[in-house]
Amino acid sequence: MKSNGILWDNDGVLVDTEGLFYEANRTLFAEHQVELSHSQFFDWFLCDNIGAWHLLAARGYSIQEIAQLREMRNRYYADLLNSRTNLLIDGMSDIVESLAQSHRMGIVTSSRRDHFELIHRRTNVLQHFDFVVTEEDYPNSKPAPDPYLLGLKKMGLGKDKTVVIEDSPRGLQAAISAGLRCIVIRNALTRHYPFEGAHCVVDDADQLIEALS
């Protein structure tokens, strides 16, 4: 696939953080007698982007209480991120450095800015990107097209010259809704999903490089 620009998702693509986010949510909900399974996490967080807060709302938790619990979850997640020394997925550092020689690149993530900075505090890859878009920068998160439309604007290239690299169903839908081609790189949480509509689907860094060639 020939392209001049690449818009990268972050979690699950560049860094191995999806499992940590699941663990933070699992811990929080378990404290309120809700067991959050991997399949529920996939459906509610990685597909529909609704979270599991509706389960607490159905039990009578108020909007204010849920907001407080969301912040507690975010603290749990930050603690997990702080406990890891290097979150980069194997092979990604070399791939990013190589592609930066011939492509404009940006990161388009659904992460909060503070979490993103924690994730990359010990990586060396951000120097290879022209910009980063986090959840504070757009009105509607993935699967809405807003994040990638903003990334495309910052990239300054046409849709036909830009490709997205994603790992989740909601990320793929966001790219498609923005009119962009999307390569999906699967991980342990998303291995079973067909990713219909993707330009192609790969399973590791070597296959990703081949797909971009």
N, C-alpha and C. Protein backbone atom coordinates (compact mmCIF):
# COMPACT_ATOMS: atom_id res chain seq x y z
N MET A 1 0.84 -1.19 0.00
CA MET A 1 0.00 0.00 0.00
C MET A 1 0.89 1.25 0.00
N LYS A 2 0.70 2.09 -1.00
CA LYS A 2 1.49 3.31 -1.08
C LYS A 2 0.76 4.45 -0.38
N SER A 3 1.44 5.12 0.53
CA SER A 3 0.87 6.26 1.23
C SER A 3 1.99 7.18 1.66
N ASN A 4 1.66 8.44 1.84
CA ASN A 4 2.62 9.43 2.31
C ASN A 4 2.44 9.77 3.78
N GLY A 5 1.27 9.42 4.32
CA GLY A 5 0.99 9.74 5.71
C GLY A 5 0.39 8.55 6.44
N ILE A 6 0.74 8.40 7.71
CA ILE A 6 0.21 7.32 8.54
C ILE A 6 -0.33 7.90 9.83
N LEU A 7 -1.59 7.58 10.13
CA LEU A 7 -2.19 7.94 11.40
C LEU A 7 -2.27 6.68 12.26
N TRP A 8 -1.53 6.69 13.36
CA TRP A 8 -1.42 5.53 14.23
C TRP A 8 -2.36 5.65 15.42
N ASP A 9 -3.11 4.59 15.71
CA ASP A 9 -3.68 4.45 17.03
C ASP A 9 -2.53 4.16 17.99
N ASN A 10 -2.78 4.31 19.27
CA ASN A 10 -1.71 4.12 20.25
C ASN A 10 -1.87 2.80 21.02
N ASP A 11 -2.94 2.71 21.82
CA ASP A 11 -3.14 1.56 22.69
C ASP A 11 -3.46 0.30 21.87
N GLY A 12 -2.65 -0.72 22.05
CA GLY A 12 -2.83 -1.97 21.32
C GLY A 12 -2.13 -2.00 19.99
N VAL A 13 -1.64 -0.86 19.53
CA VAL A 13 -0.91 -0.78 18.26
C VAL A 13 0.56 -0.49 18.51
N LEU A 14 0.83 0.63 19.15
CA LEU A 14 2.21 0.98 19.50
C LEU A 14 2.61 0.41 20.87
N VAL A 15 1.66 0.39 21.78
CA VAL A 15 1.96 0.01 23.16
C VAL A 15 0.98 -1.04 23.67
N ASP A 16 1.47 -1.88 24.56
CA ASP A 16 0.68 -2.99 25.08
C ASP A 16 -0.03 -2.54 26.36
N THR A 17 -1.14 -1.84 26.18
CA THR A 17 -1.85 -1.24 27.32
C THR A 17 -3.30 -1.68 27.46
N GLU A 18 -3.87 -2.32 26.45
CA GLU A 18 -5.28 -2.70 26.52
C GLU A 18 -5.55 -3.62 27.71
N GLY A 19 -4.63 -4.55 27.98
CA GLY A 19 -4.80 -5.45 29.11
C GLY A 19 -4.78 -4.72 30.44
N LEU A 20 -3.97 -3.67 30.53
CA LEU A 20 -3.90 -2.89 31.77
C LEU A 20 -5.19 -2.10 31.97
N PHE A 21 -5.75 -1.57 30.88
CA PHE A 21 -7.00 -0.83 30.99
C PHE A 21 -8.13 -1.78 31.40
N TYR A 22 -8.11 -2.98 30.87
CA TYR A 22 -9.09 -3.98 31.29
C TYR A 22 -8.95 -4.27 32.78
N GLU A 23 -7.72 -4.44 33.24
CA GLU A 23 -7.48 -4.76 34.64
C GLU A 23 -7.95 -3.64 35.56
N ALA A 24 -7.72 -2.39 35.17
CA ALA A 24 -8.18 -1.26 35.97
C ALA A 24 -9.70 -1.25 36.08
N ASN A 25 -10.37 -1.50 34.97
CA ASN A 25 -11.83 -1.55 34.99
C ASN A 25 -12.34 -2.76 35.76
N ARG A 26 -11.71 -3.91 35.57
CA ARG A 26 -12.13 -5.13 36.26
C ARG A 26 -12.05 -4.94 37.78
N THR A 27 -10.95 -4.33 38.22
CA THR A 27 -10.76 -4.09 39.65
C THR A 27 -11.82 -3.15 40.21
N LEU A 28 -12.06 -2.06 39.50
CA LEU A 28 -13.05 -1.08 39.97
C LEU A 28 -14.44 -1.71 40.08
N PHE A 29 -14.86 -2.41 39.04
CA PHE A 29 -16.21 -2.96 39.04
C PHE A 29 -16.35 -4.11 40.03
N ALA A 30 -15.27 -4.87 40.24
CA ALA A 30 -15.33 -5.95 41.23
C ALA A 30 -15.58 -5.40 42.63
N GLU A 31 -15.08 -4.20 42.90
CA GLU A 31 -15.31 -3.57 44.19
C GLU A 31 -16.79 -3.23 44.41
N HIS A 32 -17.56 -3.26 43.30
CA HIS A 32 -18.99 -2.97 43.38
C HIS A 32 -19.80 -4.18 42.94
N GLN A 33 -19.20 -5.36 43.17
CA GLN A 33 -19.86 -6.65 42.94
C GLN A 33 -20.32 -6.85 41.48
N VAL A 34 -19.52 -6.33 40.55
CA VAL A 34 -19.76 -6.55 39.13
C VAL A 34 -18.53 -7.24 38.54
N GLU A 35 -18.73 -8.43 37.97
CA GLU A 35 -17.64 -9.14 37.33
C GLU A 35 -17.58 -8.75 35.86
N LEU A 36 -16.49 -8.15 35.46
CA LEU A 36 -16.34 -7.70 34.07
C LEU A 36 -15.49 -8.73 33.32
N SER A 37 -16.10 -9.41 32.37
CA SER A 37 -15.38 -10.45 31.61
C SER A 37 -14.62 -9.84 30.45
N HIS A 38 -13.69 -10.62 29.88
CA HIS A 38 -12.96 -10.17 28.70
C HIS A 38 -13.92 -9.88 27.54
N SER A 39 -14.92 -10.74 27.36
CA SER A 39 -15.85 -10.55 26.25
C SER A 39 -16.69 -9.29 26.44
N GLN A 40 -17.09 -9.02 27.69
CA GLN A 40 -17.84 -7.78 27.95
C GLN A 40 -16.95 -6.56 27.71
N PHE A 41 -15.70 -6.63 28.15
CA PHE A 41 -14.78 -5.53 27.91
C PHE A 41 -14.62 -5.28 26.41
N PHE A 42 -14.47 -6.34 25.65
CA PHE A 42 -14.35 -6.20 24.20
C PHE A 42 -15.58 -5.52 23.62
N ASP A 43 -16.76 -6.02 23.98
CA ASP A 43 -18.00 -5.49 23.39
C ASP A 43 -18.26 -4.05 23.81
N TRP A 44 -18.09 -3.74 25.09
CA TRP A 44 -18.52 -2.44 25.61
C TRP A 44 -17.46 -1.36 25.51
N PHE A 45 -16.19 -1.76 25.54
CA PHE A 45 -15.10 -0.78 25.51
C PHE A 45 -14.45 -0.68 24.13
N LEU A 46 -14.18 -1.82 23.49
CA LEU A 46 -13.44 -1.81 22.23
C LEU A 46 -14.34 -1.75 21.00
N CYS A 47 -15.60 -2.09 21.16
CA CYS A 47 -16.55 -2.01 20.03
C CYS A 47 -17.45 -0.79 20.13
N ASP A 48 -18.24 -0.73 21.19
CA ASP A 48 -19.30 0.28 21.28
C ASP A 48 -18.89 1.55 22.02
N ASN A 49 -17.80 1.50 22.78
CA ASN A 49 -17.33 2.66 23.54
C ASN A 49 -18.39 3.18 24.51
N ILE A 50 -19.07 2.27 25.18
CA ILE A 50 -20.05 2.69 26.18
C ILE A 50 -19.58 2.39 27.60
N GLY A 51 -18.49 1.62 27.73
CA GLY A 51 -18.04 1.23 29.06
C GLY A 51 -19.04 0.31 29.73
N ALA A 52 -18.88 0.10 31.02
CA ALA A 52 -19.80 -0.76 31.77
C ALA A 52 -20.57 0.02 32.82
N TRP A 53 -20.58 1.34 32.68
CA TRP A 53 -21.21 2.19 33.69
C TRP A 53 -22.72 2.00 33.75
N HIS A 54 -23.31 1.53 32.64
CA HIS A 54 -24.75 1.31 32.63
C HIS A 54 -25.17 0.25 33.65
N LEU A 55 -24.25 -0.66 33.98
CA LEU A 55 -24.56 -1.68 34.97
C LEU A 55 -24.75 -1.05 36.35
N LEU A 56 -23.93 -0.05 36.64
CA LEU A 56 -24.06 0.66 37.92
C LEU A 56 -25.27 1.59 37.91
N ALA A 57 -25.52 2.23 36.77
CA ALA A 57 -26.69 3.10 36.66
C ALA A 57 -27.98 2.31 36.90
N ALA A 58 -28.01 1.08 36.41
CA ALA A 58 -29.20 0.23 36.60
C ALA A 58 -29.40 -0.15 38.06
N ARG A 59 -28.34 -0.06 38.85
CA ARG A 59 -28.44 -0.36 40.29
C ARG A 59 -28.75 0.88 41.12
N GLY A 60 -28.93 2.02 40.43
CA GLY A 60 -29.31 3.22 41.14
C GLY A 60 -28.18 4.18 41.44
N TYR A 61 -26.97 3.91 40.93
CA TYR A 61 -25.86 4.84 41.13
C TYR A 61 -26.17 6.14 40.38
N SER A 62 -25.89 7.25 41.01
CA SER A 62 -26.16 8.55 40.40
C SER A 62 -25.09 8.92 39.39
N ILE A 63 -25.39 9.92 38.58
CA ILE A 63 -24.42 10.41 37.61
C ILE A 63 -23.15 10.89 38.31
N GLN A 64 -23.34 11.57 39.44
CA GLN A 64 -22.19 12.07 40.20
C GLN A 64 -21.35 10.92 40.76
N GLU A 65 -22.01 9.90 41.28
CA GLU A 65 -21.29 8.74 41.82
C GLU A 65 -20.50 8.03 40.73
N ILE A 66 -21.11 7.88 39.57
CA ILE A 66 -20.43 7.22 38.46
C ILE A 66 -19.23 8.04 37.98
N ALA A 67 -19.38 9.35 37.96
CA ALA A 67 -18.26 10.22 37.59
C ALA A 67 -17.10 10.06 38.56
N GLN A 68 -17.40 9.94 39.84
CA GLN A 68 -16.35 9.74 40.84
C GLN A 68 -15.67 8.38 40.67
N LEU A 69 -16.45 7.37 40.34
CA LEU A 69 -15.88 6.04 40.12
C LEU A 69 -15.04 6.00 38.85
N ARG A 70 -15.45 6.75 37.85
CA ARG A 70 -14.66 6.83 36.63
C ARG A 70 -13.27 7.42 36.92
N GLU A 71 -13.25 8.45 37.76
CA GLU A 71 -11.96 9.04 38.13
C GLU A 71 -11.13 8.07 38.96
N MET A 72 -11.77 7.27 39.79
CA MET A 72 -11.04 6.25 40.55
C MET A 72 -10.45 5.22 39.61
N ARG A 73 -11.24 4.80 38.61
CA ARG A 73 -10.73 3.87 37.59
C ARG A 73 -9.51 4.46 36.89
N ASN A 74 -9.59 5.73 36.57
CA ASN A 74 -8.47 6.38 35.90
C ASN A 74 -7.22 6.38 36.77
N ARG A 75 -7.39 6.53 38.07
CA ARG A 75 -6.25 6.47 38.97
C ARG A 75 -5.67 5.05 39.04
N TYR A 76 -6.53 4.05 39.06
CA TYR A 76 -6.06 2.67 39.03
C TYR A 76 -5.23 2.42 37.76
N TYR A 77 -5.73 2.92 36.65
CA TYR A 77 -5.04 2.73 35.38
C TYR A 77 -3.68 3.45 35.40
N ALA A 78 -3.66 4.66 35.90
CA ALA A 78 -2.40 5.41 36.00
C ALA A 78 -1.39 4.67 36.86
N ASP A 79 -1.84 4.08 37.95
CA ASP A 79 -0.94 3.31 38.82
C ASP A 79 -0.36 2.12 38.07
N LEU A 80 -1.18 1.44 37.28
CA LEU A 80 -0.69 0.31 36.50
C LEU A 80 0.33 0.76 35.45
N LEU A 81 0.06 1.89 34.81
CA LEU A 81 1.00 2.42 33.83
C LEU A 81 2.32 2.77 34.49
N ASN A 82 2.26 3.34 35.67
CA ASN A 82 3.47 3.72 36.40
C ASN A 82 4.29 2.51 36.83
N SER A 83 3.64 1.37 36.96
CA SER A 83 4.34 0.18 37.44
C SER A 83 5.12 -0.53 36.33
N ARG A 84 4.95 -0.10 35.07
CA ARG A 84 5.62 -0.76 33.94
C ARG A 84 6.79 0.09 33.46
N THR A 85 7.87 -0.58 33.09
CA THR A 85 9.07 0.15 32.65
C THR A 85 9.06 0.44 31.16
N ASN A 86 8.49 -0.45 30.36
CA ASN A 86 8.46 -0.23 28.92
C ASN A 86 7.23 -0.90 28.34
N LEU A 87 6.35 -0.12 27.75
CA LEU A 87 5.09 -0.63 27.24
C LEU A 87 5.07 -0.80 25.72
N LEU A 88 6.17 -0.46 25.04
CA LEU A 88 6.21 -0.59 23.59
C LEU A 88 6.05 -2.05 23.16
N ILE A 89 5.25 -2.28 22.15
CA ILE A 89 5.10 -3.61 21.58
C ILE A 89 6.36 -3.97 20.82
N ASP A 90 6.77 -5.23 20.92
CA ASP A 90 8.01 -5.69 20.28
C ASP A 90 8.04 -5.33 18.79
N GLY A 91 9.13 -4.74 18.39
CA GLY A 91 9.34 -4.41 16.98
C GLY A 91 8.86 -3.05 16.56
N MET A 92 8.00 -2.41 17.37
CA MET A 92 7.40 -1.16 16.94
C MET A 92 8.38 0.01 16.92
N SER A 93 9.32 0.02 17.83
CA SER A 93 10.29 1.12 17.85
C SER A 93 11.06 1.19 16.54
N ASP A 94 11.56 0.06 16.06
CA ASP A 94 12.31 0.02 14.81
C ASP A 94 11.44 0.36 13.62
N ILE A 95 10.20 -0.13 13.63
CA ILE A 95 9.28 0.14 12.52
C ILE A 95 8.97 1.63 12.43
N VAL A 96 8.66 2.24 13.56
CA VAL A 96 8.33 3.66 13.58
C VAL A 96 9.52 4.49 13.10
N GLU A 97 10.71 4.17 13.59
CA GLU A 97 11.90 4.91 13.19
C GLU A 97 12.14 4.80 11.70
N SER A 98 11.95 3.60 11.15
CA SER A 98 12.16 3.39 9.72
C SER A 98 11.12 4.12 8.88
N LEU A 99 9.85 4.03 9.25
CA LEU A 99 8.79 4.65 8.46
C LEU A 99 8.86 6.17 8.51
N ALA A 100 9.37 6.70 9.60
CA ALA A 100 9.46 8.16 9.74
C ALA A 100 10.39 8.78 8.71
N GLN A 101 11.26 7.98 8.13
CA GLN A 101 12.18 8.50 7.10
C GLN A 101 11.47 8.85 5.80
N SER A 102 10.30 8.24 5.58
CA SER A 102 9.62 8.42 4.29
C SER A 102 8.15 8.81 4.42
N HIS A 103 7.64 8.95 5.64
CA HIS A 103 6.23 9.26 5.85
C HIS A 103 6.06 10.39 6.87
N ARG A 104 5.00 11.17 6.68
CA ARG A 104 4.51 12.02 7.77
C ARG A 104 3.67 11.12 8.66
N MET A 105 3.79 11.29 9.99
CA MET A 105 3.08 10.39 10.89
C MET A 105 2.52 11.15 12.09
N GLY A 106 1.34 10.73 12.52
CA GLY A 106 0.73 11.28 13.72
C GLY A 106 0.07 10.17 14.52
N ILE A 107 -0.15 10.43 15.79
CA ILE A 107 -0.84 9.49 16.66
C ILE A 107 -2.23 10.04 16.95
N VAL A 108 -3.25 9.21 16.77
CA VAL A 108 -4.63 9.59 17.05
C VAL A 108 -5.19 8.59 18.06
N THR A 109 -5.31 9.01 19.29
CA THR A 109 -5.67 8.10 20.37
C THR A 109 -6.92 8.55 21.11
N SER A 110 -7.59 7.58 21.72
CA SER A 110 -8.72 7.88 22.59
C SER A 110 -8.29 8.07 24.04
N SER A 111 -7.00 7.95 24.29
CA SER A 111 -6.47 8.12 25.64
C SER A 111 -6.54 9.57 26.10
N ARG A 112 -6.66 9.76 27.41
CA ARG A 112 -6.47 11.08 27.99
C ARG A 112 -5.01 11.49 27.83
N ARG A 113 -4.78 12.79 27.78
CA ARG A 113 -3.42 13.29 27.60
C ARG A 113 -2.50 12.84 28.75
N ASP A 114 -3.00 12.86 29.99
CA ASP A 114 -2.14 12.48 31.10
C ASP A 114 -1.77 11.01 31.05
N HIS A 115 -2.71 10.15 30.65
CA HIS A 115 -2.39 8.74 30.50
C HIS A 115 -1.40 8.52 29.36
N PHE A 116 -1.61 9.24 28.26
CA PHE A 116 -0.70 9.12 27.12
C PHE A 116 0.72 9.48 27.53
N GLU A 117 0.86 10.53 28.29
CA GLU A 117 2.20 10.95 28.72
C GLU A 117 2.83 9.94 29.66
N LEU A 118 2.03 9.31 30.52
CA LEU A 118 2.55 8.25 31.37
C LEU A 118 3.02 7.06 30.54
N ILE A 119 2.24 6.70 29.55
CA ILE A 119 2.58 5.56 28.69
C ILE A 119 3.92 5.77 28.01
N HIS A 120 4.17 6.99 27.56
CA HIS A 120 5.37 7.24 26.74
C HIS A 120 6.51 7.90 27.50
N ARG A 121 6.40 7.95 28.81
CA ARG A 121 7.46 8.63 29.56
C ARG A 121 8.80 7.91 29.44
N ARG A 122 8.78 6.60 29.13
CA ARG A 122 10.03 5.85 29.00
C ARG A 122 10.23 5.28 27.60
N THR A 123 9.43 5.71 26.64
CA THR A 123 9.65 5.27 25.25
C THR A 123 10.44 6.35 24.51
N ASN A 124 10.92 5.98 23.36
CA ASN A 124 11.70 6.94 22.57
C ASN A 124 11.08 7.17 21.19
N VAL A 125 9.79 6.90 21.06
CA VAL A 125 9.19 6.93 19.73
C VAL A 125 8.52 8.25 19.36
N LEU A 126 8.16 9.06 20.33
CA LEU A 126 7.39 10.26 20.01
C LEU A 126 8.15 11.25 19.14
N GLN A 127 9.48 11.17 19.18
CA GLN A 127 10.28 12.06 18.34
C GLN A 127 10.04 11.83 16.85
N HIS A 128 9.48 10.69 16.50
CA HIS A 128 9.27 10.35 15.10
C HIS A 128 7.89 10.76 14.58
N PHE A 129 7.07 11.36 15.43
CA PHE A 129 5.72 11.74 15.04
C PHE A 129 5.60 13.26 14.94
N ASP A 130 4.81 13.70 13.96
CA ASP A 130 4.62 15.13 13.74
C ASP A 130 3.63 15.74 14.72
N PHE A 131 2.71 14.94 15.24
CA PHE A 131 1.71 15.46 16.17
C PHE A 131 1.04 14.30 16.90
N VAL A 132 0.36 14.65 17.98
CA VAL A 132 -0.42 13.68 18.75
C VAL A 132 -1.80 14.28 19.00
N VAL A 133 -2.85 13.50 18.78
CA VAL A 133 -4.23 13.89 19.06
C VAL A 133 -4.74 13.00 20.18
N THR A 134 -5.18 13.61 21.30
CA THR A 134 -5.75 12.86 22.42
C THR A 134 -7.21 13.23 22.61
N GLU A 135 -7.87 12.59 23.57
CA GLU A 135 -9.33 12.75 23.69
C GLU A 135 -9.77 14.18 24.00
N GLU A 136 -8.88 14.99 24.54
CA GLU A 136 -9.23 16.37 24.84
C GLU A 136 -9.34 17.24 23.58
N ASP A 137 -8.89 16.72 22.45
CA ASP A 137 -8.76 17.54 21.24
C ASP A 137 -9.97 17.49 20.31
N TYR A 138 -10.93 16.62 20.57
CA TYR A 138 -12.07 16.48 19.65
C TYR A 138 -13.34 16.25 20.45
N PRO A 139 -14.52 16.52 19.86
CA PRO A 139 -15.77 16.43 20.61
C PRO A 139 -16.27 15.01 20.83
N ASN A 140 -16.10 14.14 19.85
CA ASN A 140 -16.66 12.79 19.93
C ASN A 140 -15.57 11.75 19.68
N SER A 141 -15.49 10.77 20.57
CA SER A 141 -14.43 9.76 20.47
C SER A 141 -14.80 8.68 19.46
N LYS A 142 -13.83 7.83 19.15
CA LYS A 142 -14.07 6.67 18.29
C LYS A 142 -15.19 5.83 18.91
N PRO A 143 -16.16 5.33 18.12
CA PRO A 143 -16.15 5.13 16.68
C PRO A 143 -16.60 6.31 15.82
N ALA A 144 -16.83 7.48 16.40
CA ALA A 144 -17.10 8.67 15.60
C ALA A 144 -15.86 9.02 14.77
N PRO A 145 -16.03 9.66 13.63
CA PRO A 145 -14.89 9.98 12.77
C PRO A 145 -14.06 11.16 13.24
N ASP A 146 -14.54 11.90 14.25
CA ASP A 146 -13.89 13.15 14.66
C ASP A 146 -12.38 13.04 14.89
N PRO A 147 -11.91 12.03 15.63
CA PRO A 147 -10.46 11.97 15.87
C PRO A 147 -9.65 11.87 14.59
N TYR A 148 -10.10 11.05 13.65
CA TYR A 148 -9.33 10.88 12.42
C TYR A 148 -9.51 12.04 11.45
N LEU A 149 -10.65 12.69 11.48
CA LEU A 149 -10.81 13.89 10.65
C LEU A 149 -9.86 14.99 11.13
N LEU A 150 -9.70 15.11 12.45
CA LEU A 150 -8.75 16.08 12.98
C LEU A 150 -7.31 15.67 12.64
N GLY A 151 -7.01 14.37 12.77
CA GLY A 151 -5.69 13.90 12.41
C GLY A 151 -5.37 14.15 10.95
N LEU A 152 -6.36 13.94 10.09
CA LEU A 152 -6.18 14.18 8.65
C LEU A 152 -5.91 15.65 8.39
N LYS A 153 -6.63 16.53 9.08
CA LYS A 153 -6.41 17.97 8.92
C LYS A 153 -5.00 18.36 9.34
N LYS A 154 -4.54 17.81 10.47
CA LYS A 154 -3.20 18.11 10.94
C LYS A 154 -2.14 17.53 10.01
N MET A 155 -2.45 16.38 9.42
CA MET A 155 -1.51 15.74 8.51
C MET A 155 -1.27 16.59 7.27
N GLY A 156 -2.35 17.21 6.77
CA GLY A 156 -2.21 18.08 5.61
C GLY A 156 -2.09 17.35 4.30
N LEU A 157 -2.48 16.07 4.28
CA LEU A 157 -2.46 15.28 3.05
C LEU A 157 -3.87 14.83 2.72
N GLY A 158 -4.09 14.43 1.47
CA GLY A 158 -5.40 13.94 1.07
C GLY A 158 -5.70 12.57 1.66
N LYS A 159 -6.99 12.21 1.65
CA LYS A 159 -7.39 10.90 2.16
C LYS A 159 -6.75 9.77 1.37
N ASP A 160 -6.53 9.99 0.08
CA ASP A 160 -5.94 8.94 -0.75
C ASP A 160 -4.46 8.73 -0.46
N LYS A 161 -3.85 9.65 0.28
CA LYS A 161 -2.42 9.54 0.59
C LYS A 161 -2.17 9.21 2.06
N THR A 162 -3.25 8.90 2.78
CA THR A 162 -3.14 8.66 4.22
C THR A 162 -3.76 7.33 4.58
N VAL A 163 -3.12 6.59 5.47
CA VAL A 163 -3.63 5.32 5.95
C VAL A 163 -3.65 5.32 7.47
N VAL A 164 -4.61 4.60 8.04
CA VAL A 164 -4.75 4.46 9.49
C VAL A 164 -4.29 3.07 9.92
N ILE A 165 -3.65 2.99 11.08
CA ILE A 165 -3.31 1.70 11.67
C ILE A 165 -4.04 1.60 13.00
N GLU A 166 -4.89 0.58 13.12
CA GLU A 166 -5.77 0.42 14.27
C GLU A 166 -5.73 -1.02 14.80
N ASP A 167 -6.36 -1.22 15.95
CA ASP A 167 -6.46 -2.57 16.51
C ASP A 167 -7.85 -2.92 17.01
N SER A 168 -8.77 -1.96 17.05
CA SER A 168 -10.08 -2.21 17.65
C SER A 168 -11.21 -1.99 16.65
N PRO A 169 -12.36 -2.64 16.87
CA PRO A 169 -13.51 -2.39 15.99
C PRO A 169 -13.94 -0.94 15.96
N ARG A 170 -13.95 -0.27 17.11
CA ARG A 170 -14.39 1.12 17.11
C ARG A 170 -13.38 2.02 16.42
N GLY A 171 -12.11 1.67 16.49
CA GLY A 171 -11.09 2.43 15.76
C GLY A 171 -11.23 2.25 14.27
N LEU A 172 -11.49 1.00 13.84
CA LEU A 172 -11.72 0.74 12.42
C LEU A 172 -12.92 1.53 11.92
N GLN A 173 -14.02 1.52 12.69
CA GLN A 173 -15.22 2.25 12.27
C GLN A 173 -14.96 3.74 12.17
N ALA A 174 -14.16 4.28 13.09
CA ALA A 174 -13.83 5.70 13.05
C ALA A 174 -13.07 6.03 11.77
N ALA A 175 -12.11 5.17 11.41
CA ALA A 175 -11.33 5.41 10.19
C ALA A 175 -12.21 5.33 8.95
N ILE A 176 -13.06 4.29 8.90
CA ILE A 176 -13.95 4.14 7.74
C ILE A 176 -14.89 5.33 7.63
N SER A 177 -15.45 5.76 8.77
CA SER A 177 -16.38 6.90 8.75
C SER A 177 -15.70 8.19 8.31
N ALA A 178 -14.38 8.26 8.53
CA ALA A 178 -13.61 9.43 8.09
C ALA A 178 -13.16 9.30 6.64
N GLY A 179 -13.50 8.18 6.00
CA GLY A 179 -13.14 7.98 4.60
C GLY A 179 -11.71 7.55 4.38
N LEU A 180 -11.11 6.91 5.39
CA LEU A 180 -9.70 6.54 5.32
C LEU A 180 -9.52 5.03 5.25
N ARG A 181 -8.51 4.60 4.53
CA ARG A 181 -8.14 3.18 4.52
C ARG A 181 -7.53 2.82 5.86
N CYS A 182 -7.80 1.60 6.30
CA CYS A 182 -7.35 1.20 7.63
C CYS A 182 -6.73 -0.20 7.60
N ILE A 183 -5.51 -0.29 8.11
CA ILE A 183 -4.88 -1.58 8.38
C ILE A 183 -5.12 -1.91 9.84
N VAL A 184 -5.61 -3.09 10.10
CA VAL A 184 -5.84 -3.52 11.48
C VAL A 184 -4.76 -4.52 11.88
N ILE A 185 -4.12 -4.27 13.02
CA ILE A 185 -3.18 -5.22 13.58
C ILE A 185 -3.84 -5.83 14.82
N ARG A 186 -4.09 -7.12 14.76
CA ARG A 186 -4.82 -7.79 15.84
C ARG A 186 -3.91 -8.06 17.03
N ASN A 187 -4.54 -8.16 18.21
CA ASN A 187 -3.82 -8.55 19.42
C ASN A 187 -4.62 -9.63 20.14
N ALA A 188 -4.20 -9.99 21.34
CA ALA A 188 -4.84 -11.09 22.05
C ALA A 188 -6.32 -10.85 22.29
N LEU A 189 -6.71 -9.60 22.55
CA LEU A 189 -8.11 -9.29 22.83
C LEU A 189 -8.98 -9.25 21.58
N THR A 190 -8.37 -9.03 20.42
CA THR A 190 -9.15 -8.83 19.19
C THR A 190 -8.93 -9.91 18.15
N ARG A 191 -8.22 -10.98 18.52
CA ARG A 191 -7.82 -12.00 17.55
C ARG A 191 -9.01 -12.64 16.85
N HIS A 192 -10.14 -12.74 17.54
CA HIS A 192 -11.29 -13.47 17.00
C HIS A 192 -12.16 -12.62 16.07
N TYR A 193 -11.94 -11.33 16.02
CA TYR A 193 -12.87 -10.43 15.34
C TYR A 193 -12.55 -10.35 13.84
N PRO A 194 -13.57 -10.35 12.95
CA PRO A 194 -13.30 -10.37 11.51
C PRO A 194 -12.83 -9.04 10.92
N PHE A 195 -13.15 -7.92 11.53
CA PHE A 195 -12.75 -6.59 11.06
C PHE A 195 -13.15 -6.36 9.59
N GLU A 196 -14.41 -6.55 9.32
CA GLU A 196 -14.93 -6.32 7.98
C GLU A 196 -14.80 -4.85 7.62
N GLY A 197 -14.37 -4.59 6.41
CA GLY A 197 -14.19 -3.22 5.94
C GLY A 197 -12.77 -2.73 6.03
N ALA A 198 -11.90 -3.47 6.74
CA ALA A 198 -10.50 -3.08 6.82
C ALA A 198 -9.82 -3.27 5.46
N HIS A 199 -8.86 -2.42 5.16
CA HIS A 199 -8.08 -2.60 3.93
C HIS A 199 -7.34 -3.92 3.97
N CYS A 200 -6.76 -4.24 5.14
CA CYS A 200 -6.19 -5.55 5.37
C CYS A 200 -6.04 -5.75 6.87
N VAL A 201 -5.88 -7.00 7.28
CA VAL A 201 -5.74 -7.36 8.69
C VAL A 201 -4.45 -8.14 8.86
N VAL A 202 -3.62 -7.74 9.82
CA VAL A 202 -2.33 -8.39 10.06
C VAL A 202 -2.24 -8.81 11.53
N ASP A 203 -1.26 -9.65 11.82
CA ASP A 203 -1.14 -10.21 13.16
C ASP A 203 0.14 -9.84 13.89
N ASP A 204 1.08 -9.21 13.19
CA ASP A 204 2.33 -8.84 13.87
C ASP A 204 3.03 -7.72 13.11
N ALA A 205 4.14 -7.27 13.68
CA ALA A 205 4.86 -6.14 13.11
C ALA A 205 5.42 -6.43 11.72
N ASP A 206 5.89 -7.65 11.50
CA ASP A 206 6.44 -7.99 10.18
C ASP A 206 5.36 -7.92 9.10
N GLN A 207 4.18 -8.43 9.41
CA GLN A 207 3.07 -8.36 8.45
C GLN A 207 2.62 -6.93 8.23
N LEU A 208 2.74 -6.09 9.25
CA LEU A 208 2.37 -4.68 9.09
C LEU A 208 3.30 -4.00 8.09
N ILE A 209 4.59 -4.24 8.21
CA ILE A 209 5.56 -3.64 7.28
C ILE A 209 5.26 -4.10 5.86
N GLU A 210 4.92 -5.36 5.69
CA GLU A 210 4.59 -5.89 4.35
C GLU A 210 3.35 -5.22 3.80
N ALA A 211 2.35 -4.99 4.64
CA ALA A 211 1.12 -4.36 4.20
C ALA A 211 1.33 -2.91 3.80
N LEU A 212 2.30 -2.25 4.41
CA LEU A 212 2.58 -0.85 4.10
C LEU A 212 3.49 -0.69 2.88
N SER A 213 4.07 -1.78 2.43
CA SER A 213 5.03 -1.70 1.31
C SER A 213 4.34 -1.41 -0.01
